[in-house]
Amino acid sequence: MFPSVPPATKILIIANVAVFLLETVAGGMMFALFALWPLTSGFLPWQIVTYAFLHAGLTHLLLNMFALYMFGGEIERVVGQRRYLTYYFVCVLSAAAAQLAVTAILGGAPYPTVGASGGVFGVLLAFAMYFPRRTILLIIPPIPMPAWLFVTLFGILELYFGVTGTQAGVAHFAHLGGMVGGYLMIRRWRGRPPFGRRRF
């Protein structure tokens, strides 16, 4: 039996599914207005948030929502609903910033970026920081490993794929941007460098 899903995680999942259903009706218009476009090609300010609710297909949506269900609820229970939502959207914004920076530097064809992966990768990073020794069992291959190792390997693979251009069409640097934003946010909460001690 699946554990109950906390409210903020449930809201995020429902919102993503609802927007995906709208995509099936509105089609390209949703992507034109709400996907994250490069700064020189159709960029609009609200896209730094709205892109995270669009998905390129059903598989893309299901993978992100499954990860959010598996790991997001755990983080929400630890930090609370308000802080969890703040954290999630910081990761979404840092992922967008990383993607915009990379596309501005490297150029290339003006493709839009969509998906909740930036926020989800930030949630994975948080899970590894709060539950480093929790065992995660991979599906393919079925290898158990501690959360800290799983997320570290995931981050290294994302960096490798991004630098080498492997898996074209996947926003690897956006994923990394989400993880970096999440890492800095947690260090801020903990009063660790480069941030000062928390004041109450």
Protein backbone atom coordinates (compact mmCIF):
# COMPACT_ATOMS: atom_id res chain seq x y z
CA MET A 1 0.00 0.00 0.00
CA PHE A 2 1.41 3.42 -0.99
CA PRO A 3 1.99 5.97 1.75
CA SER A 4 -0.20 9.06 1.72
CA VAL A 5 1.08 11.95 -0.34
CA PRO A 6 1.58 15.24 1.58
CA PRO A 7 -0.46 18.22 0.33
CA ALA A 8 2.19 20.27 -1.48
CA THR A 9 3.56 17.25 -3.35
CA LYS A 10 0.02 16.25 -4.26
CA ILE A 11 -0.74 19.75 -5.56
CA LEU A 12 2.40 19.74 -7.73
CA ILE A 13 1.54 16.35 -9.21
CA ILE A 14 -2.08 17.35 -9.91
CA ALA A 15 -0.97 20.65 -11.47
CA ASN A 16 1.50 18.89 -13.77
CA VAL A 17 -1.08 16.33 -14.87
CA ALA A 18 -3.72 19.03 -15.44
CA VAL A 19 -1.35 21.12 -17.57
CA PHE A 20 -0.39 18.03 -19.57
CA LEU A 21 -4.07 17.46 -20.33
CA LEU A 22 -4.30 21.08 -21.49
CA GLU A 23 -1.31 20.45 -23.74
CA THR A 24 -3.21 17.69 -25.52
CA VAL A 25 -5.93 20.21 -26.37
CA ALA A 26 -3.97 23.41 -26.99
CA GLY A 27 -0.95 21.75 -28.61
CA GLY A 28 1.77 24.05 -29.90
CA MET A 29 0.23 27.20 -28.44
CA MET A 30 1.13 26.05 -24.90
CA PHE A 31 4.73 25.48 -25.90
CA ALA A 32 4.98 28.77 -27.76
CA LEU A 33 3.83 30.79 -24.75
CA PHE A 34 4.89 28.80 -21.70
CA ALA A 35 7.93 26.66 -22.59
CA LEU A 36 11.36 28.10 -21.78
CA TRP A 37 12.75 29.59 -24.97
CA PRO A 38 16.30 30.95 -25.39
CA LEU A 39 16.74 34.64 -24.60
CA THR A 40 17.05 35.47 -28.30
CA SER A 41 14.14 33.34 -29.50
CA GLY A 42 10.70 33.89 -28.04
CA PHE A 43 11.68 34.23 -24.38
CA LEU A 44 9.04 35.66 -22.04
CA PRO A 45 9.66 36.30 -18.32
CA TRP A 46 7.01 33.94 -16.93
CA GLN A 47 8.54 31.03 -18.80
CA ILE A 48 11.18 30.59 -16.06
CA VAL A 49 8.39 29.01 -13.99
CA THR A 50 5.75 27.81 -16.46
CA TYR A 51 8.14 25.56 -18.40
CA ALA A 52 8.30 23.27 -15.37
CA PHE A 53 4.63 22.32 -15.77
CA LEU A 54 4.89 21.32 -19.44
CA HIS A 55 6.13 17.93 -20.65
CA ALA A 56 7.29 16.53 -23.97
CA GLY A 57 5.18 13.39 -23.70
CA LEU A 58 3.44 10.97 -21.38
CA THR A 59 6.62 9.06 -20.50
CA HIS A 60 8.38 12.32 -19.62
CA LEU A 61 5.50 13.29 -17.35
CA LEU A 62 5.21 9.88 -15.67
CA LEU A 63 8.93 9.63 -14.88
CA ASN A 64 9.01 13.09 -13.31
CA MET A 65 5.81 12.58 -11.32
CA PHE A 66 6.93 9.16 -10.10
CA ALA A 67 10.20 10.67 -8.81
CA LEU A 68 8.29 13.55 -7.21
CA TYR A 69 5.94 11.07 -5.55
CA MET A 70 8.79 8.85 -4.30
CA PHE A 71 11.10 11.56 -2.98
CA GLY A 72 9.16 14.83 -2.74
CA GLY A 73 6.80 13.62 -0.05
CA GLU A 74 9.72 12.61 2.17
CA ILE A 75 11.29 16.06 1.91
CA GLU A 76 7.98 17.82 2.51
CA ARG A 77 7.48 15.83 5.73
CA VAL A 78 10.92 16.92 6.96
CA VAL A 79 10.91 20.63 6.08
CA GLY A 80 7.18 21.44 5.98
CA GLN A 81 4.83 22.47 3.20
CA ARG A 82 5.82 26.13 2.80
CA ARG A 83 9.56 25.54 2.90
CA TYR A 84 9.23 22.57 0.55
CA LEU A 85 7.39 24.63 -2.07
CA THR A 86 9.95 27.43 -1.73
CA TYR A 87 12.73 24.90 -2.21
CA TYR A 88 11.08 23.30 -5.23
CA PHE A 89 10.58 26.60 -7.05
CA VAL A 90 14.11 27.77 -6.24
CA CYS A 91 15.30 24.61 -7.99
CA VAL A 92 12.99 25.30 -10.93
CA LEU A 93 14.36 28.85 -11.22
CA SER A 94 18.01 27.81 -10.90
CA ALA A 95 17.45 25.14 -13.54
CA ALA A 96 15.97 27.76 -15.88
CA ALA A 97 18.88 30.13 -15.21
CA ALA A 98 21.40 27.39 -16.01
CA GLN A 99 19.61 26.44 -19.22
CA LEU A 100 19.32 30.04 -20.39
CA ALA A 101 23.00 30.67 -19.64
CA VAL A 102 24.15 27.57 -21.50
CA THR A 103 22.01 28.27 -24.55
CA ALA A 104 23.20 31.90 -24.59
CA ILE A 105 26.84 30.79 -24.49
CA LEU A 106 26.67 27.80 -26.84
CA GLY A 107 24.00 29.06 -29.20
CA GLY A 108 22.52 26.48 -31.54
CA ALA A 109 18.97 25.90 -32.78
CA PRO A 110 16.26 27.70 -30.77
CA TYR A 111 14.58 24.76 -29.05
CA PRO A 112 12.28 25.18 -26.05
CA THR A 113 12.91 23.51 -22.69
CA VAL A 114 10.05 21.83 -20.83
CA GLY A 115 9.61 19.56 -17.84
CA ALA A 116 9.67 19.40 -14.06
CA SER A 117 13.08 17.74 -14.08
CA GLY A 118 14.93 20.77 -12.68
CA GLY A 119 12.72 20.77 -9.60
CA VAL A 120 12.80 16.96 -9.39
CA PHE A 121 16.60 16.84 -9.52
CA GLY A 122 16.67 19.39 -6.72
CA VAL A 123 14.35 17.14 -4.71
CA LEU A 124 16.67 14.17 -5.36
CA LEU A 125 19.59 16.24 -4.08
CA ALA A 126 17.64 17.14 -0.94
CA PHE A 127 16.78 13.48 -0.37
CA ALA A 128 20.46 12.56 -0.53
CA MET A 129 21.37 15.34 1.93
CA TYR A 130 18.62 14.54 4.45
CA PHE A 131 18.70 10.76 4.07
CA PRO A 132 22.23 9.97 2.84
CA ARG A 133 22.23 6.36 4.03
CA ARG A 134 18.71 5.48 2.87
CA THR A 135 18.94 2.62 0.36
CA ILE A 136 17.63 3.22 -3.16
CA LEU A 137 17.05 0.23 -5.43
CA LEU A 138 17.54 0.92 -9.11
CA ILE A 139 15.09 -0.65 -11.52
CA ILE A 140 17.57 -1.19 -14.36
CA PRO A 141 19.94 -2.63 -13.25
CA PRO A 142 18.45 -3.74 -9.89
CA ILE A 143 21.36 -2.56 -7.75
CA PRO A 144 20.80 -1.18 -4.23
CA MET A 145 22.92 1.79 -3.18
CA PRO A 146 22.82 4.56 -0.55
CA ALA A 147 21.04 7.75 -1.57
CA TRP A 148 24.20 9.88 -1.43
CA LEU A 149 25.97 7.59 -3.91
CA PHE A 150 22.94 7.33 -6.19
CA VAL A 151 22.56 11.10 -6.47
CA THR A 152 26.31 11.67 -6.81
CA LEU A 153 26.51 9.22 -9.72
CA PHE A 154 23.42 10.79 -11.27
CA GLY A 155 25.02 14.23 -11.08
CA ILE A 156 28.28 12.99 -12.61
CA LEU A 157 26.40 11.34 -15.46
CA GLU A 158 24.41 14.51 -16.11
CA LEU A 159 27.63 16.54 -16.27
CA TYR A 160 29.22 14.00 -18.60
CA PHE A 161 26.19 13.90 -20.90
CA GLY A 162 25.98 17.70 -20.93
CA VAL A 163 29.66 18.26 -21.72
CA THR A 164 29.88 15.53 -24.37
CA GLY A 165 26.54 16.33 -25.98
CA THR A 166 25.29 12.79 -25.36
CA GLN A 167 21.52 12.31 -25.33
CA ALA A 168 20.77 15.32 -27.50
CA GLY A 169 17.48 16.99 -26.71
CA VAL A 170 17.81 16.50 -22.94
CA ALA A 171 18.51 19.62 -20.84
CA HIS A 172 21.34 18.15 -18.75
CA PHE A 173 22.59 21.52 -17.55
CA ALA A 174 19.08 22.44 -16.39
CA HIS A 175 19.09 19.27 -14.28
CA LEU A 176 22.44 20.26 -12.81
CA GLY A 177 21.17 23.80 -12.25
CA GLY A 178 18.29 22.43 -10.22
CA MET A 179 20.68 20.40 -8.08
CA VAL A 180 23.01 23.38 -7.52
CA GLY A 181 20.12 25.65 -6.55
CA GLY A 182 18.84 23.04 -4.12
CA TYR A 183 22.27 22.49 -2.61
CA LEU A 184 22.75 26.21 -1.98
CA MET A 185 19.25 26.51 -0.52
CA ILE A 186 19.88 23.74 2.01
CA ARG A 187 23.24 25.23 2.95
CA ARG A 188 21.49 28.55 3.52
CA TRP A 189 18.95 26.88 5.80
CA ARG A 190 21.77 25.24 7.72
CA GLY A 191 23.76 28.46 8.01
CA ARG A 192 26.73 27.02 6.13
CA PRO A 193 29.21 28.92 3.89
CA PRO A 194 28.84 30.91 1.72
CA PHE A 195 25.92 31.95 3.92
CA GLY A 196 26.13 33.25 7.46
CA ARG A 197 24.56 31.68 10.48
CA ARG A 198 20.79 31.71 10.68
CA ARG A 199 19.29 34.45 12.77
CA PHE A 200 16.00 34.00 14.62
